[in-house]
C-alpha atoms as a PDB file:
ATOM      1  CA  UNK A   1      94.349 105.905  99.952  1.00  0.00           C
ATOM      2  CA  UNK A   2      91.196 107.881  99.268  1.00  0.00           C
ATOM      3  CA  UNK A   3      89.290 110.365 101.354  1.00  0.00           C
ATOM      4  CA  UNK A   4      87.590 108.920 104.397  1.00  0.00           C
ATOM      5  CA  UNK A   5      89.722 105.793 104.477  1.00  0.00           C
ATOM      6  CA  UNK A   6      91.672 106.491 107.640  1.00  0.00           C
ATOM      7  CA  UNK A   7      93.343 103.502 109.197  1.00  0.00           C
ATOM      8  CA  UNK A   8      91.999 102.071 112.412  1.00  0.00           C
ATOM      9  CA  UNK A   9      93.280 100.080 115.398  1.00  0.00           C
ATOM     10  CA  UNK A  10      92.168  96.963 113.488  1.00  0.00           C
ATOM     11  CA  UNK A  11      94.588  97.885 110.681  1.00  0.00           C
ATOM     12  CA  UNK A  12      97.353  98.264 113.255  1.00  0.00           C
ATOM     13  CA  UNK A  13      96.453  94.908 114.840  1.00  0.00           C
ATOM     14  CA  UNK A  14      96.692  93.281 111.406  1.00  0.00           C
ATOM     15  CA  UNK A  15     100.085  94.935 110.798  1.00  0.00           C
ATOM     16  CA  UNK A  16     101.362  93.691 114.183  1.00  0.00           C
ATOM     17  CA  UNK A  17     100.243  90.125 113.403  1.00  0.00           C
ATOM     18  CA  UNK A  18     101.515  90.099 109.796  1.00  0.00           C
ATOM     19  CA  UNK A  19     104.968  91.373 110.853  1.00  0.00           C
ATOM     20  CA  UNK A  20     105.336  89.228 113.967  1.00  0.00           C
ATOM     21  CA  UNK A  21     105.687  92.255 116.249  1.00  0.00           C
ATOM     22  CA  UNK A  22     105.595  91.609 119.982  1.00  0.00           C
ATOM     23  CA  UNK A  23     103.042  94.291 120.901  1.00  0.00           C
ATOM     24  CA  UNK A  24      99.486  94.484 122.220  1.00  0.00           C
ATOM     25  CA  UNK A  25      96.633  96.899 121.652  1.00  0.00           C
ATOM     26  CA  UNK A  26      95.062  98.219 124.828  1.00  0.00           C
ATOM     27  CA  UNK A  27      91.699  99.948 125.130  1.00  0.00           C
ATOM     28  CA  UNK A  28      91.736 101.782 128.470  1.00  0.00           C
ATOM     29  CA  UNK A  29      88.457 101.799 130.394  1.00  0.00           C
ATOM     30  CA  UNK A  30      88.367 105.603 130.374  1.00  0.00           C
ATOM     31  CA  UNK A  31      89.343 108.424 128.046  1.00  0.00           C
ATOM     32  CA  UNK A  32      92.998 109.353 127.694  1.00  0.00           C
ATOM     33  CA  UNK A  33      92.991 113.037 126.666  1.00  0.00           C
ATOM     34  CA  UNK A  34      96.390 113.706 128.291  1.00  0.00           C
ATOM     35  CA  UNK A  35      99.608 111.889 129.135  1.00  0.00           C
ATOM     36  CA  UNK A  36      98.676 111.861 132.824  1.00  0.00           C
ATOM     37  CA  UNK A  37      95.200 110.469 132.075  1.00  0.00           C
ATOM     38  CA  UNK A  38      96.636 107.790 129.771  1.00  0.00           C
ATOM     39  CA  UNK A  39      99.191 106.776 132.405  1.00  0.00           C
ATOM     40  CA  UNK A  40      96.461 106.520 135.058  1.00  0.00           C
ATOM     41  CA  UNK A  41      94.186 104.557 132.716  1.00  0.00           C
ATOM     42  CA  UNK A  42      96.782 101.857 132.006  1.00  0.00           C
ATOM     43  CA  UNK A  43      98.544 101.996 135.379  1.00  0.00           C
ATOM     44  CA  UNK A  44     101.976 103.134 134.257  1.00  0.00           C
ATOM     45  CA  UNK A  45     104.344 106.053 134.842  1.00  0.00           C
ATOM     46  CA  UNK A  46     103.783 109.156 132.651  1.00  0.00           C
ATOM     47  CA  UNK A  47     107.266 108.619 131.159  1.00  0.00           C
ATOM     48  CA  UNK A  48     106.011 105.322 129.694  1.00  0.00           C
ATOM     49  CA  UNK A  49     103.509 107.129 127.472  1.00  0.00           C
ATOM     50  CA  UNK A  50     105.119 108.063 124.152  1.00  0.00           C
ATOM     51  CA  UNK A  51     103.963 110.361 121.396  1.00  0.00           C
ATOM     52  CA  UNK A  52     104.508 109.854 117.682  1.00  0.00           C
ATOM     53  CA  UNK A  53     104.509 113.239 115.965  1.00  0.00           C
ATOM     54  CA  UNK A  54     104.988 114.126 112.322  1.00  0.00           C
ATOM     55  CA  UNK A  55     107.371 116.995 111.652  1.00  0.00           C
ATOM     56  CA  UNK A  56     108.209 118.489 108.289  1.00  0.00           C
ATOM     57  CA  UNK A  57     111.904 119.305 108.264  1.00  0.00           C
ATOM     58  CA  UNK A  58     112.913 121.312 105.221  1.00  0.00           C
ATOM     59  CA  UNK A  59     109.736 119.947 103.612  1.00  0.00           C
ATOM     60  CA  UNK A  60     110.534 116.283 104.343  1.00  0.00           C
ATOM     61  CA  UNK A  61     108.271 114.340 106.742  1.00  0.00           C
ATOM     62  CA  UNK A  62     109.781 112.555 109.749  1.00  0.00           C
ATOM     63  CA  UNK A  63     108.140 110.616 112.552  1.00  0.00           C
ATOM     64  CA  UNK A  64     109.407 111.942 115.885  1.00  0.00           C
ATOM     65  CA  UNK A  65     108.998 109.680 118.926  1.00  0.00           C
ATOM     66  CA  UNK A  66     109.445 111.145 122.400  1.00  0.00           C
ATOM     67  CA  UNK A  67     108.206 110.594 125.925  1.00  0.00           C
ATOM     68  CA  UNK A  68     104.700 111.999 126.121  1.00  0.00           C
ATOM     69  CA  UNK A  69     105.477 114.393 128.959  1.00  0.00           C
ATOM     70  CA  UNK A  70     108.423 115.970 127.095  1.00  0.00           C
ATOM     71  CA  UNK A  71     108.367 118.951 124.735  1.00  0.00           C
ATOM     72  CA  UNK A  72     110.042 118.433 121.365  1.00  0.00           C
ATOM     73  CA  UNK A  73     112.618 121.117 120.561  1.00  0.00           C
ATOM     74  CA  UNK A  74     112.236 122.575 117.071  1.00  0.00           C
ATOM     75  CA  UNK A  75     115.708 124.095 117.507  1.00  0.00           C
ATOM     76  CA  UNK A  76     117.310 120.695 118.199  1.00  0.00           C
ATOM     77  CA  UNK A  77     115.624 119.212 115.126  1.00  0.00           C
ATOM     78  CA  UNK A  78     116.824 122.131 113.002  1.00  0.00           C
ATOM     79  CA  UNK A  79     120.369 121.816 114.346  1.00  0.00           C
ATOM     80  CA  UNK A  80     120.436 118.069 113.661  1.00  0.00           C
ATOM     81  CA  UNK A  81     119.460 118.646 110.028  1.00  0.00           C
ATOM     82  CA  UNK A  82     121.542 121.790 109.585  1.00  0.00           C
ATOM     83  CA  UNK A  83     118.553 123.926 108.643  1.00  0.00           C
ATOM     84  CA  UNK A  84     117.063 127.172 109.902  1.00  0.00           C
ATOM     85  CA  UNK A  85     114.544 126.757 112.745  1.00  0.00           C
ATOM     86  CA  UNK A  86     111.883 128.205 110.408  1.00  0.00           C
ATOM     87  CA  UNK A  87     112.325 125.119 108.168  1.00  0.00           C
ATOM     88  CA  UNK A  88     110.942 122.871 110.946  1.00  0.00           C
ATOM     89  CA  UNK A  89     107.224 122.622 111.584  1.00  0.00           C
ATOM     90  CA  UNK A  90     104.733 120.160 112.952  1.00  0.00           C
ATOM     91  CA  UNK A  91     102.446 118.649 110.333  1.00  0.00           C
ATOM     92  CA  UNK A  92      98.817 119.774 110.317  1.00  0.00           C
ATOM     93  CA  UNK A  93      96.132 117.210 111.223  1.00  0.00           C
ATOM     94  CA  UNK A  94      95.331 116.840 107.508  1.00  0.00           C
ATOM     95  CA  UNK A  95      98.982 116.254 106.653  1.00  0.00           C
ATOM     96  CA  UNK A  96      99.309 113.746 109.502  1.00  0.00           C
ATOM     97  CA  UNK A  97      96.349 111.756 108.156  1.00  0.00           C
ATOM     98  CA  UNK A  98      97.674 111.892 104.592  1.00  0.00           C
ATOM     99  CA  UNK A  99     101.238 110.913 105.551  1.00  0.00           C
ATOM    100  CA  UNK A 100     100.503 108.226 108.149  1.00  0.00           C
ATOM    101  CA  UNK A 101      96.981 107.021 107.404  1.00  0.00           C
ATOM    102  CA  UNK A 102      96.060 107.671 111.040  1.00  0.00           C
ATOM    103  CA  UNK A 103      94.375 110.651 112.706  1.00  0.00           C
ATOM    104  CA  UNK A 104      96.500 113.019 114.797  1.00  0.00           C
ATOM    105  CA  UNK A 105      96.293 111.880 118.409  1.00  0.00           C
ATOM    106  CA  UNK A 106      96.189 108.207 117.455  1.00  0.00           C
ATOM    107  CA  UNK A 107      99.328 107.849 115.317  1.00  0.00           C
ATOM    108  CA  UNK A 108     101.168 104.655 116.219  1.00  0.00           C
ATOM    109  CA  UNK A 109     104.978 104.533 116.234  1.00  0.00           C
ATOM    110  CA  UNK A 110     104.966 102.011 113.340  1.00  0.00           C
ATOM    111  CA  UNK A 111     102.635 100.507 110.729  1.00  0.00           C
ATOM    112  CA  UNK A 112     102.027 103.758 108.859  1.00  0.00           C
ATOM    113  CA  UNK A 113     100.593 103.786 105.331  1.00  0.00           C
ATOM    114  CA  UNK A 114     103.977 105.025 104.053  1.00  0.00           C
ATOM    115  CA  UNK A 115     107.226 104.477 105.942  1.00  0.00           C
ATOM    116  CA  UNK A 116     108.725 107.670 107.350  1.00  0.00           C
ATOM    117  CA  UNK A 117     112.243 108.156 108.705  1.00  0.00           C
ATOM    118  CA  UNK A 118     112.042 107.847 112.496  1.00  0.00           C
ATOM    119  CA  UNK A 119     113.790 110.103 114.997  1.00  0.00           C
ATOM    120  CA  UNK A 120     113.637 108.928 118.605  1.00  0.00           C
ATOM    121  CA  UNK A 121     114.691 110.707 121.744  1.00  0.00           C
ATOM    122  CA  UNK A 122     117.004 108.434 123.767  1.00  0.00           C
ATOM    123  CA  UNK A 123     114.856 109.134 126.843  1.00  0.00           C
ATOM    124  CA  UNK A 124     112.261 106.744 125.398  1.00  0.00           C
ATOM    125  CA  UNK A 125     114.745 103.900 125.878  1.00  0.00           C
ATOM    126  CA  UNK A 126     114.997 104.657 129.615  1.00  0.00           C
ATOM    127  CA  UNK A 127     111.734 102.726 129.939  1.00  0.00           C
ATOM    128  CA  UNK A 128     111.428  98.955 129.641  1.00  0.00           C
ATOM    129  CA  UNK A 129     108.072  99.196 127.905  1.00  0.00           C
ATOM    130  CA  UNK A 130     105.961 102.048 126.586  1.00  0.00           C
ATOM    131  CA  UNK A 131     102.446 102.853 125.408  1.00  0.00           C
ATOM    132  CA  UNK A 132     101.966 104.779 122.168  1.00  0.00           C
ATOM    133  CA  UNK A 133      99.124 105.696 119.839  1.00  0.00           C
ATOM    134  CA  UNK A 134      97.094 102.659 118.867  1.00  0.00           C
ATOM    135  CA  UNK A 135      95.351 103.952 115.767  1.00  0.00           C
ATOM    136  CA  UNK A 136      92.705 106.210 117.305  1.00  0.00           C
ATOM    137  CA  UNK A 137      92.210 108.355 120.391  1.00  0.00           C
ATOM    138  CA  UNK A 138      90.753 105.454 122.420  1.00  0.00           C
ATOM    139  CA  UNK A 139      93.459 102.837 121.794  1.00  0.00           C
ATOM    140  CA  UNK A 140      97.088 102.476 122.841  1.00  0.00           C
ATOM    141  CA  UNK A 141      99.774 100.046 121.710  1.00  0.00           C
ATOM    142  CA  UNK A 142     101.968  98.495 124.419  1.00  0.00           C
ATOM    143  CA  UNK A 143     105.461  97.483 123.305  1.00  0.00           C
ATOM    144  CA  UNK A 144     108.896  96.920 124.850  1.00  0.00           C
ATOM    145  CA  UNK A 145     111.384  99.624 123.955  1.00  0.00           C
ATOM    146  CA  UNK A 146     113.757  96.950 122.600  1.00  0.00           C
ATOM    147  CA  UNK A 147     111.035  95.783 120.186  1.00  0.00           C
ATOM    148  CA  UNK A 148     110.103  99.385 119.333  1.00  0.00           C
ATOM    149  CA  UNK A 149     113.718 100.117 118.464  1.00  0.00           C
ATOM    150  CA  UNK A 150     113.960  96.937 116.366  1.00  0.00           C
ATOM    151  CA  UNK A 151     110.789  97.750 114.422  1.00  0.00           C
ATOM    152  CA  UNK A 152     111.354 101.466 113.832  1.00  0.00           C
ATOM    153  CA  UNK A 153     115.151 101.475 113.301  1.00  0.00           C
ATOM    154  CA  UNK A 154     115.249 105.062 114.585  1.00  0.00           C
ATOM    155  CA  UNK A 155     117.950 107.679 114.476  1.00  0.00           C
ATOM    156  CA  UNK A 156     118.534 108.423 118.153  1.00  0.00           C
ATOM    157  CA  UNK A 157     118.954 112.134 118.834  1.00  0.00           C
ATOM    158  CA  UNK A 158     118.190 114.306 121.831  1.00  0.00           C
ATOM    159  CA  UNK A 159     115.120 116.113 120.575  1.00  0.00           C
ATOM    160  CA  UNK A 160     113.357 117.162 123.744  1.00  0.00           C
ATOM    161  CA  UNK A 161     113.734 120.596 125.268  1.00  0.00           C
ATOM    162  CA  UNK A 162     115.143 120.881 128.760  1.00  0.00           C
ATOM    163  CA  UNK A 163     115.487 117.159 129.215  1.00  0.00           C
ATOM    164  CA  UNK A 164     115.230 116.296 132.882  1.00  0.00           C
ATOM    165  CA  UNK A 165     118.097 113.909 133.512  1.00  0.00           C
ATOM    166  CA  UNK A 166     117.101 113.090 137.068  1.00  0.00           C
ATOM    167  CA  UNK A 167     115.277 109.832 137.594  1.00  0.00           C
ATOM    168  CA  UNK A 168     112.920 109.189 140.488  1.00  0.00           C
END
């Protein structure tokens, strides 16, 4: 992949079709700069918005999927991998683009240019369906959590800080 050839929502749509994934791309009528704004734009609960983040853990890239309103715990990632907390860092926007093919802020939970090991917080599975990055900052992908789990084959670990276990 050369410079300037970032993937787009159209690439993700093609991936979804080619792999028979039960998911839809959604273009909300207004901007979605935050989890709350995205939830309002598509008419869902904030917990149904997920984020797909790239972390480098001891130099190895991993895709980390968590509920959008949760904060990922670097300490929990380090503990899971048995490394010092200083060996865990979020990828830079340039690294995200290079590793996934998509710009930071639009990274989908699947269909990346190179497969990455996936870590998913179990809280994601508390939802029946979720909305994640759809390839750019104006597009979301809607998918059932059962289908998301089937496609990504994640390692399920509690990776969010101060997980709120109460449900409203």
